[in-house]
PDB file of N, CA and C in Angstrom:
ATOM      1  N   MET A   1      -7.980 -16.247   5.550  1.00  0.00           N
ATOM      2  CA  MET A   1      -7.410 -16.502   4.249  1.00  0.00           C
ATOM      3  C   MET A   1      -7.418 -15.238   3.382  1.00  0.00           C
ATOM      4  N   LEU A   2      -8.527 -14.487   3.444  1.00  0.00           N
ATOM      5  CA  LEU A   2      -8.608 -13.248   2.671  1.00  0.00           C
ATOM      6  C   LEU A   2      -7.596 -12.227   3.166  1.00  0.00           C
ATOM      7  N   THR A   3      -7.352 -12.220   4.450  1.00  0.00           N
ATOM      8  CA  THR A   3      -6.384 -11.276   5.015  1.00  0.00           C
ATOM      9  C   THR A   3      -4.988 -11.524   4.462  1.00  0.00           C
ATOM     10  N   TYR A   4      -4.598 -12.780   4.353  1.00  0.00           N
ATOM     11  CA  TYR A   4      -3.280 -13.101   3.812  1.00  0.00           C
ATOM     12  C   TYR A   4      -3.173 -12.702   2.341  1.00  0.00           C
ATOM     13  N   ALA A   5      -4.229 -12.907   1.598  1.00  0.00           N
ATOM     14  CA  ALA A   5      -4.224 -12.514   0.184  1.00  0.00           C
ATOM     15  C   ALA A   5      -4.121 -11.001   0.039  1.00  0.00           C
ATOM     16  N   ILE A   6      -4.831 -10.276   0.891  1.00  0.00           N
ATOM     17  CA  ILE A   6      -4.774  -8.818   0.833  1.00  0.00           C
ATOM     18  C   ILE A   6      -3.381  -8.317   1.182  1.00  0.00           C
ATOM     19  N   TRP A   7      -2.772  -8.883   2.218  1.00  0.00           N
ATOM     20  CA  TRP A   7      -1.427  -8.438   2.602  1.00  0.00           C
ATOM     21  C   TRP A   7      -0.382  -8.824   1.553  1.00  0.00           C
ATOM     22  N   THR A   8      -0.536  -9.976   0.933  1.00  0.00           N
ATOM     23  CA  THR A   8       0.392 -10.383  -0.119  1.00  0.00           C
ATOM     24  C   THR A   8       0.279  -9.455  -1.322  1.00  0.00           C
ATOM     25  N   ALA A   9      -0.953  -9.163  -1.724  1.00  0.00           N
ATOM     26  CA  ALA A   9      -1.151  -8.258  -2.857  1.00  0.00           C
ATOM     27  C   ALA A   9      -0.677  -6.847  -2.522  1.00  0.00           C
ATOM     28  N   SER A  10      -0.918  -6.393  -1.301  1.00  0.00           N
ATOM     29  CA  SER A  10      -0.458  -5.061  -0.901  1.00  0.00           C
ATOM     30  C   SER A  10       1.069  -4.975  -0.918  1.00  0.00           C
ATOM     31  N   THR A  11       1.724  -6.033  -0.492  1.00  0.00           N
ATOM     32  CA  THR A  11       3.186  -6.072  -0.530  1.00  0.00           C
ATOM     33  C   THR A  11       3.687  -6.016  -1.969  1.00  0.00           C
ATOM     34  N   ALA A  12       3.047  -6.769  -2.845  1.00  0.00           N
ATOM     35  CA  ALA A  12       3.458  -6.762  -4.255  1.00  0.00           C
ATOM     36  C   ALA A  12       3.253  -5.379  -4.880  1.00  0.00           C
ATOM     37  N   PHE A  13       2.133  -4.737  -4.577  1.00  0.00           N
ATOM     38  CA  PHE A  13       1.891  -3.399  -5.116  1.00  0.00           C
ATOM     39  C   PHE A  13       2.828  -2.372  -4.482  1.00  0.00           C
ATOM     40  N   GLY A  14       3.207  -2.571  -3.233  1.00  0.00           N
ATOM     41  CA  GLY A  14       4.175  -1.683  -2.596  1.00  0.00           C
ATOM     42  C   GLY A  14       5.551  -1.784  -3.248  1.00  0.00           C
ATOM     43  N   ILE A  15       5.957  -2.999  -3.576  1.00  0.00           N
ATOM     44  CA  ILE A  15       7.226  -3.190  -4.277  1.00  0.00           C
ATOM     45  C   ILE A  15       7.152  -2.554  -5.663  1.00  0.00           C
ATOM     46  N   ALA A  16       6.003  -2.700  -6.318  1.00  0.00           N
ATOM     47  CA  ALA A  16       5.827  -2.077  -7.634  1.00  0.00           C
ATOM     48  C   ALA A  16       5.897  -0.555  -7.525  1.00  0.00           C
ATOM     49  N   LEU A  17       5.366   0.011  -6.445  1.00  0.00           N
ATOM     50  CA  LEU A  17       5.460   1.458  -6.237  1.00  0.00           C
ATOM     51  C   LEU A  17       6.909   1.897  -6.054  1.00  0.00           C
ATOM     52  N   LEU A  18       7.685   1.114  -5.340  1.00  0.00           N
ATOM     53  CA  LEU A  18       9.099   1.453  -5.177  1.00  0.00           C
ATOM     54  C   LEU A  18       9.850   1.389  -6.504  1.00  0.00           C
ATOM     55  N   LEU A  19       9.526   0.400  -7.323  1.00  0.00           N
ATOM     56  CA  LEU A  19      10.150   0.312  -8.642  1.00  0.00           C
ATOM     57  C   LEU A  19       9.711   1.474  -9.538  1.00  0.00           C
ATOM     58  N   ASN A  20       8.452   1.892  -9.395  1.00  0.00           N
ATOM     59  CA  ASN A  20       7.991   3.066 -10.144  1.00  0.00           C
ATOM     60  C   ASN A  20       8.725   4.327  -9.699  1.00  0.00           C
ATOM     61  N   LEU A  21       8.962   4.444  -8.423  1.00  0.00           N
ATOM     62  CA  LEU A  21       9.708   5.596  -7.907  1.00  0.00           C
ATOM     63  C   LEU A  21      11.131   5.613  -8.467  1.00  0.00           C
ATOM     64  N   TYR A  22      11.738   4.443  -8.558  1.00  0.00           N
ATOM     65  CA  TYR A  22      13.074   4.355  -9.143  1.00  0.00           C
ATOM     66  C   TYR A  22      13.052   4.829 -10.599  1.00  0.00           C
ATOM     67  N   ARG A  23      12.068   4.368 -11.375  1.00  0.00           N
ATOM     68  CA  ARG A  23      11.981   4.766 -12.777  1.00  0.00           C
ATOM     69  C   ARG A  23      11.629   6.250 -12.915  1.00  0.00           C
ATOM     70  N   LEU A  24      10.860   6.761 -11.972  1.00  0.00           N
ATOM     71  CA  LEU A  24      10.498   8.177 -12.000  1.00  0.00           C
ATOM     72  C   LEU A  24      11.724   9.059 -11.767  1.00  0.00           C
ATOM     73  N   ILE A  25      12.619   8.625 -10.905  1.00  0.00           N
ATOM     74  CA  ILE A  25      13.828   9.398 -10.617  1.00  0.00           C
ATOM     75  C   ILE A  25      14.904   9.153 -11.675  1.00  0.00           C
ATOM     76  N   LYS A  26      15.076   7.913 -12.069  1.00  0.00           N
ATOM     77  CA  LYS A  26      16.192   7.525 -12.928  1.00  0.00           C
ATOM     78  C   LYS A  26      15.838   7.515 -14.413  1.00  0.00           C
ATOM     79  N   GLY A  27      14.552   7.644 -14.753  1.00  0.00           N
ATOM     80  CA  GLY A  27      14.107   7.523 -16.140  1.00  0.00           C
ATOM     81  C   GLY A  27      14.945   8.324 -17.120  1.00  0.00           C
ATOM     82  N   PRO A  28      15.390   7.710 -18.200  1.00  0.00           N
ATOM     83  CA  PRO A  28      16.269   8.428 -19.123  1.00  0.00           C
ATOM     84  C   PRO A  28      15.545   9.512 -19.925  1.00  0.00           C
ATOM     85  N   THR A  29      14.267   9.334 -20.185  1.00  0.00           N
ATOM     86  CA  THR A  29      13.538  10.333 -20.968  1.00  0.00           C
ATOM     87  C   THR A  29      12.280  10.769 -20.223  1.00  0.00           C
ATOM     88  N   VAL A  30      11.705  11.860 -20.689  1.00  0.00           N
ATOM     89  CA  VAL A  30      10.482  12.379 -20.063  1.00  0.00           C
ATOM     90  C   VAL A  30       9.302  11.424 -20.240  1.00  0.00           C
ATOM     91  N   PRO A  31       9.096  10.812 -21.427  1.00  0.00           N
ATOM     92  CA  PRO A  31       7.986   9.849 -21.530  1.00  0.00           C
ATOM     93  C   PRO A  31       8.107   8.665 -20.572  1.00  0.00           C
ATOM     94  N   ASP A  32       9.332   8.222 -20.293  1.00  0.00           N
ATOM     95  CA  ASP A  32       9.523   7.156 -19.301  1.00  0.00           C
ATOM     96  C   ASP A  32       9.052   7.604 -17.924  1.00  0.00           C
ATOM     97  N   ARG A  33       9.326   8.828 -17.583  1.00  0.00           N
ATOM     98  CA  ARG A  33       8.903   9.354 -16.285  1.00  0.00           C
ATOM     99  C   ARG A  33       7.388   9.518 -16.222  1.00  0.00           C
ATOM    100  N   ILE A  34       6.773   9.901 -17.328  1.00  0.00           N
ATOM    101  CA  ILE A  34       5.316  10.032 -17.343  1.00  0.00           C
ATOM    102  C   ILE A  34       4.651   8.671 -17.188  1.00  0.00           C
ATOM    103  N   ILE A  35       5.177   7.666 -17.865  1.00  0.00           N
ATOM    104  CA  ILE A  35       4.633   6.311 -17.731  1.00  0.00           C
ATOM    105  C   ILE A  35       4.826   5.791 -16.311  1.00  0.00           C
ATOM    106  N   ALA A  36       5.966   6.091 -15.702  1.00  0.00           N
ATOM    107  CA  ALA A  36       6.202   5.677 -14.317  1.00  0.00           C
ATOM    108  C   ALA A  36       5.218   6.351 -13.372  1.00  0.00           C
ATOM    109  N   LEU A  37       4.923   7.621 -13.607  1.00  0.00           N
ATOM    110  CA  LEU A  37       3.946   8.327 -12.788  1.00  0.00           C
ATOM    111  C   LEU A  37       2.549   7.753 -12.980  1.00  0.00           C
ATOM    112  N   ASP A  38       2.226   7.392 -14.215  1.00  0.00           N
ATOM    113  CA  ASP A  38       0.928   6.796 -14.517  1.00  0.00           C
ATOM    114  C   ASP A  38       0.763   5.446 -13.802  1.00  0.00           C
ATOM    115  N   THR A  39       1.761   4.607 -13.874  1.00  0.00           N
ATOM    116  CA  THR A  39       1.661   3.323 -13.190  1.00  0.00           C
ATOM    117  C   THR A  39       1.734   3.471 -11.674  1.00  0.00           C
ATOM    118  N   ALA A  40       2.391   4.516 -11.195  1.00  0.00           N
ATOM    119  CA  ALA A  40       2.440   4.734  -9.749  1.00  0.00           C
ATOM    120  C   ALA A  40       1.057   5.067  -9.204  1.00  0.00           C
ATOM    121  N   TYR A  41       0.300   5.897  -9.909  1.00  0.00           N
ATOM    122  CA  TYR A  41      -1.026   6.186  -9.382  1.00  0.00           C
ATOM    123  C   TYR A  41      -1.959   4.996  -9.543  1.00  0.00           C
ATOM    124  N   ILE A  42      -1.753   4.169 -10.553  1.00  0.00           N
ATOM    125  CA  ILE A  42      -2.573   2.957 -10.685  1.00  0.00           C
ATOM    126  C   ILE A  42      -2.268   1.988  -9.543  1.00  0.00           C
ATOM    127  N   ASN A  43      -0.998   1.853  -9.183  1.00  0.00           N
ATOM    128  CA  ASN A  43      -0.638   0.991  -8.057  1.00  0.00           C
ATOM    129  C   ASN A  43      -1.168   1.538  -6.736  1.00  0.00           C
ATOM    130  N   SER A  44      -1.159   2.849  -6.582  1.00  0.00           N
ATOM    131  CA  SER A  44      -1.707   3.419  -5.347  1.00  0.00           C
ATOM    132  C   SER A  44      -3.221   3.226  -5.274  1.00  0.00           C
ATOM    133  N   ILE A  45      -3.899   3.253  -6.414  1.00  0.00           N
ATOM    134  CA  ILE A  45      -5.335   2.953  -6.438  1.00  0.00           C
ATOM    135  C   ILE A  45      -5.570   1.517  -5.991  1.00  0.00           C
ATOM    136  N   ALA A  46      -4.750   0.602  -6.481  1.00  0.00           N
ATOM    137  CA  ALA A  46      -4.901  -0.805  -6.091  1.00  0.00           C
ATOM    138  C   ALA A  46      -4.685  -0.989  -4.594  1.00  0.00           C
ATOM    139  N   ILE A  47      -3.707  -0.305  -4.036  1.00  0.00           N
ATOM    140  CA  ILE A  47      -3.454  -0.414  -2.599  1.00  0.00           C
ATOM    141  C   ILE A  47      -4.631   0.145  -1.806  1.00  0.00           C
ATOM    142  N   LEU A  48      -5.188   1.272  -2.258  1.00  0.00           N
ATOM    143  CA  LEU A  48      -6.347   1.842  -1.575  1.00  0.00           C
ATOM    144  C   LEU A  48      -7.561   0.921  -1.639  1.00  0.00           C
ATOM    145  N   VAL A  49      -7.793   0.306  -2.772  1.00  0.00           N
ATOM    146  CA  VAL A  49      -8.922  -0.617  -2.901  1.00  0.00           C
ATOM    147  C   VAL A  49      -8.721  -1.829  -1.993  1.00  0.00           C
ATOM    148  N   LEU A  50      -7.507  -2.344  -1.951  1.00  0.00           N
ATOM    149  CA  LEU A  50      -7.239  -3.477  -1.057  1.00  0.00           C
ATOM    150  C   LEU A  50      -7.431  -3.089   0.403  1.00  0.00           C
ATOM    151  N   TYR A  51      -7.019  -1.888   0.760  1.00  0.00           N
ATOM    152  CA  TYR A  51      -7.215  -1.436   2.141  1.00  0.00           C
ATOM    153  C   TYR A  51      -8.694  -1.231   2.441  1.00  0.00           C
ATOM    154  N   GLY A  52      -9.445  -0.749   1.461  1.00  0.00           N
ATOM    155  CA  GLY A  52     -10.890  -0.605   1.629  1.00  0.00           C
ATOM    156  C   GLY A  52     -11.581  -1.950   1.817  1.00  0.00           C
ATOM    157  N   ILE A  53     -11.116  -2.961   1.115  1.00  0.00           N
ATOM    158  CA  ILE A  53     -11.665  -4.312   1.302  1.00  0.00           C
ATOM    159  C   ILE A  53     -11.324  -4.821   2.692  1.00  0.00           C
ATOM    160  N   HIS A  54     -10.099  -4.567   3.114  1.00  0.00           N
ATOM    161  CA  HIS A  54      -9.655  -5.032   4.434  1.00  0.00           C
ATOM    162  C   HIS A  54     -10.448  -4.365   5.562  1.00  0.00           C
ATOM    163  N   GLU A  55     -10.684  -3.071   5.430  1.00  0.00           N
ATOM    164  CA  GLU A  55     -11.404  -2.334   6.471  1.00  0.00           C
ATOM    165  C   GLU A  55     -12.919  -2.402   6.319  1.00  0.00           C
ATOM    166  N   ALA A  56     -13.407  -2.909   5.206  1.00  0.00           N
ATOM    167  CA  ALA A  56     -14.845  -3.052   4.921  1.00  0.00           C
ATOM    168  C   ALA A  56     -15.565  -1.705   4.987  1.00  0.00           C
ATOM    169  N   THR A  57     -14.983  -0.710   4.318  1.00  0.00           N
ATOM    170  CA  THR A  57     -15.588   0.613   4.240  1.00  0.00           C
ATOM    171  C   THR A  57     -15.524   1.109   2.804  1.00  0.00           C
ATOM    172  N   THR A  58     -16.456   1.970   2.444  1.00  0.00           N
ATOM    173  CA  THR A  58     -16.492   2.469   1.071  1.00  0.00           C
ATOM    174  C   THR A  58     -15.735   3.773   0.895  1.00  0.00           C
ATOM    175  N   LEU A  59     -15.234   4.349   1.946  1.00  0.00           N
ATOM    176  CA  LEU A  59     -14.528   5.619   1.857  1.00  0.00           C
ATOM    177  C   LEU A  59     -13.298   5.519   0.958  1.00  0.00           C
ATOM    178  N   TYR A  60     -12.555   4.458   1.067  1.00  0.00           N
ATOM    179  CA  TYR A  60     -11.331   4.297   0.298  1.00  0.00           C
ATOM    180  C   TYR A  60     -11.615   4.069  -1.186  1.00  0.00           C
ATOM    181  N   PHE A  61     -12.772   3.507  -1.497  1.00  0.00           N
ATOM    182  CA  PHE A  61     -13.150   3.332  -2.896  1.00  0.00           C
ATOM    183  C   PHE A  61     -13.423   4.687  -3.547  1.00  0.00           C
ATOM    184  N   GLU A  62     -14.029   5.596  -2.795  1.00  0.00           N
ATOM    185  CA  GLU A  62     -14.283   6.940  -3.319  1.00  0.00           C
ATOM    186  C   GLU A  62     -12.981   7.707  -3.517  1.00  0.00           C
ATOM    187  N   VAL A  63     -12.057   7.554  -2.597  1.00  0.00           N
ATOM    188  CA  VAL A  63     -10.755   8.204  -2.735  1.00  0.00           C
ATOM    189  C   VAL A  63     -10.001   7.628  -3.935  1.00  0.00           C
ATOM    190  N   ALA A  64     -10.103   6.319  -4.132  1.00  0.00           N
ATOM    191  CA  ALA A  64      -9.456   5.691  -5.281  1.00  0.00           C
ATOM    192  C   ALA A  64     -10.055   6.195  -6.593  1.00  0.00           C
ATOM    193  N   LEU A  65     -11.354   6.421  -6.606  1.00  0.00           N
ATOM    194  CA  LEU A  65     -12.006   6.959  -7.791  1.00  0.00           C
ATOM    195  C   LEU A  65     -11.521   8.375  -8.088  1.00  0.00           C
ATOM    196  N   LEU A  66     -11.372   9.195  -7.068  1.00  0.00           N
ATOM    197  CA  LEU A  66     -10.848  10.550  -7.260  1.00  0.00           C
ATOM    198  C   LEU A  66      -9.413  10.535  -7.779  1.00  0.00           C
ATOM    199  N   ILE A  67      -8.598   9.657  -7.246  1.00  0.00           N
ATOM    200  CA  ILE A  67      -7.219   9.546  -7.720  1.00  0.00           C
ATOM    201  C   ILE A  67      -7.204   9.091  -9.176  1.00  0.00           C
ATOM    202  N   ALA A  68      -8.098   8.183  -9.546  1.00  0.00           N
ATOM    203  CA  ALA A  68      -8.166   7.721 -10.931  1.00  0.00           C
ATOM    204  C   ALA A  68      -8.544   8.854 -11.873  1.00  0.00           C
ATOM    205  N   ILE A  69      -9.491   9.674 -11.468  1.00  0.00           N
ATOM    206  CA  ILE A  69      -9.911  10.796 -12.316  1.00  0.00           C
ATOM    207  C   ILE A  69      -8.771  11.796 -12.478  1.00  0.00           C
ATOM    208  N   PHE A  70      -8.155  12.200 -11.371  1.00  0.00           N
ATOM    209  CA  PHE A  70      -7.059  13.161 -11.448  1.00  0.00           C
ATOM    210  C   PHE A  70      -5.848  12.579 -12.180  1.00  0.00           C
ATOM    211  N   GLY A  71      -5.606  11.302 -12.014  1.00  0.00           N
ATOM    212  CA  GLY A  71      -4.488  10.670 -12.709  1.00  0.00           C
ATOM    213  C   GLY A  71      -4.698  10.635 -14.206  1.00  0.00           C
ATOM    214  N   PHE A  72      -5.914  10.323 -14.640  1.00  0.00           N
ATOM    215  CA  PHE A  72      -6.199  10.307 -16.068  1.00  0.00           C
ATOM    216  C   PHE A  72      -6.044  11.696 -16.674  1.00  0.00           C
ATOM    217  N   VAL A  73      -6.591  12.695 -15.994  1.00  0.00           N
ATOM    218  CA  VAL A  73      -6.510  14.064 -16.506  1.00  0.00           C
ATOM    219  C   VAL A  73      -5.052  14.532 -16.560  1.00  0.00           C
ATOM    220  N   SER A  74      -4.281  14.217 -15.544  1.00  0.00           N
ATOM    221  CA  SER A  74      -2.884  14.658 -15.539  1.00  0.00           C
ATOM    222  C   SER A  74      -2.064  13.940 -16.605  1.00  0.00           C
ATOM    223  N   THR A  75      -2.329  12.658 -16.839  1.00  0.00           N
ATOM    224  CA  THR A  75      -1.609  11.940 -17.888  1.00  0.00           C
ATOM    225  C   THR A  75      -1.969  12.492 -19.261  1.00  0.00           C
ATOM    226  N   ALA A  76      -3.257  12.771 -19.484  1.00  0.00           N
ATOM    227  CA  ALA A  76      -3.668  13.355 -20.769  1.00  0.00           C
ATOM    228  C   ALA A  76      -3.059  14.738 -20.950  1.00  0.00           C
ATOM    229  N   MET A  77      -2.998  15.523 -19.884  1.00  0.00           N
ATOM    230  CA  MET A  77      -2.415  16.858 -19.959  1.00  0.00           C
ATOM    231  C   MET A  77      -0.923  16.792 -20.280  1.00  0.00           C
ATOM    232  N   LEU A  78      -0.205  15.896 -19.635  1.00  0.00           N
ATOM    233  CA  LEU A  78       1.228  15.775 -19.897  1.00  0.00           C
ATOM    234  C   LEU A  78       1.506  15.267 -21.304  1.00  0.00           C
ATOM    235  N   ALA A  79       0.680  14.343 -21.789  1.00  0.00           N
ATOM    236  CA  ALA A  79       0.856  13.848 -23.147  1.00  0.00           C
ATOM    237  C   ALA A  79       0.601  14.949 -24.167  1.00  0.00           C
ATOM    238  N   LYS A  80      -0.417  15.760 -23.933  1.00  0.00           N
ATOM    239  CA  LYS A  80      -0.710  16.876 -24.837  1.00  0.00           C
ATOM    240  C   LYS A  80       0.426  17.903 -24.792  1.00  0.00           C
ATOM    241  N   TYR A  81       0.979  18.129 -23.626  1.00  0.00           N
ATOM    242  CA  TYR A  81       2.098  19.065 -23.511  1.00  0.00           C
ATOM    243  C   TYR A  81       3.321  18.555 -24.268  1.00  0.00           C
ATOM    244  N   LEU A  82       3.575  17.244 -24.192  1.00  0.00           N
ATOM    245  CA  LEU A  82       4.723  16.692 -24.898  1.00  0.00           C
ATOM    246  C   LEU A  82       4.532  16.745 -26.411  1.00  0.00           C
ATOM    247  N   LEU A  83       3.298  16.534 -26.872  1.00  0.00           N
ATOM    248  CA  LEU A  83       3.059  16.533 -28.311  1.00  0.00           C
ATOM    249  C   LEU A  83       3.052  17.934 -28.904  1.00  0.00           C
ATOM    250  N   ARG A  84       2.398  18.870 -28.243  1.00  0.00           N
ATOM    251  CA  ARG A  84       2.203  20.189 -28.835  1.00  0.00           C
ATOM    252  C   ARG A  84       3.016  21.292 -28.176  1.00  0.00           C
ATOM    253  N   GLY A  85       3.445  21.090 -26.956  1.00  0.00           N
ATOM    254  CA  GLY A  85       4.204  22.122 -26.268  1.00  0.00           C
ATOM    255  C   GLY A  85       3.325  23.158 -25.594  1.00  0.00           C
ATOM    256  N   ASP A  86       2.007  23.000 -25.689  1.00  0.00           N
ATOM    257  CA  ASP A  86       1.079  23.937 -25.084  1.00  0.00           C
ATOM    258  C   ASP A  86      -0.136  23.158 -24.611  1.00  0.00           C
ATOM    259  N   ILE A  87      -0.622  23.471 -23.422  1.00  0.00           N
ATOM    260  CA  ILE A  87      -1.761  22.746 -22.872  1.00  0.00           C
ATOM    261  C   ILE A  87      -3.063  23.380 -23.320  1.00  0.00           C
ATOM    262  N   ILE A  88      -3.164  24.681 -23.234  1.00  0.00           N
ATOM    263  CA  ILE A  88      -4.380  25.386 -23.600  1.00  0.00           C
ATOM    264  C   ILE A  88      -4.161  26.029 -24.968  1.00  0.00           C
ATOM    265  N   GLU A  89      -5.084  25.755 -25.862  1.00  0.00           N
ATOM    266  CA  GLU A  89      -4.943  26.307 -27.219  1.00  0.00           C
ATOM    267  C   GLU A  89      -5.671  27.612 -27.346  1.00  0.00           C
TER     268      GLU A  89
END
């Protein structure tokens, strides 16, 4: 039963990743593309966590944590660049 739930959720997150890719390519403005990139890494974290549950290993949880850290830093950096035009003051 858990296997079916994991595969169903993974399929839903995979479809969400494809929709994020569409918005990343087609996005009319730069903030739309940044939001699409932000949600894409969140969806990839969810897929990694689901795969870690399926395989019963903690390695994928650590990788998901690293992606979360880098994703947060990159989103904050891009937002600062859009607001001020310069990353390092």
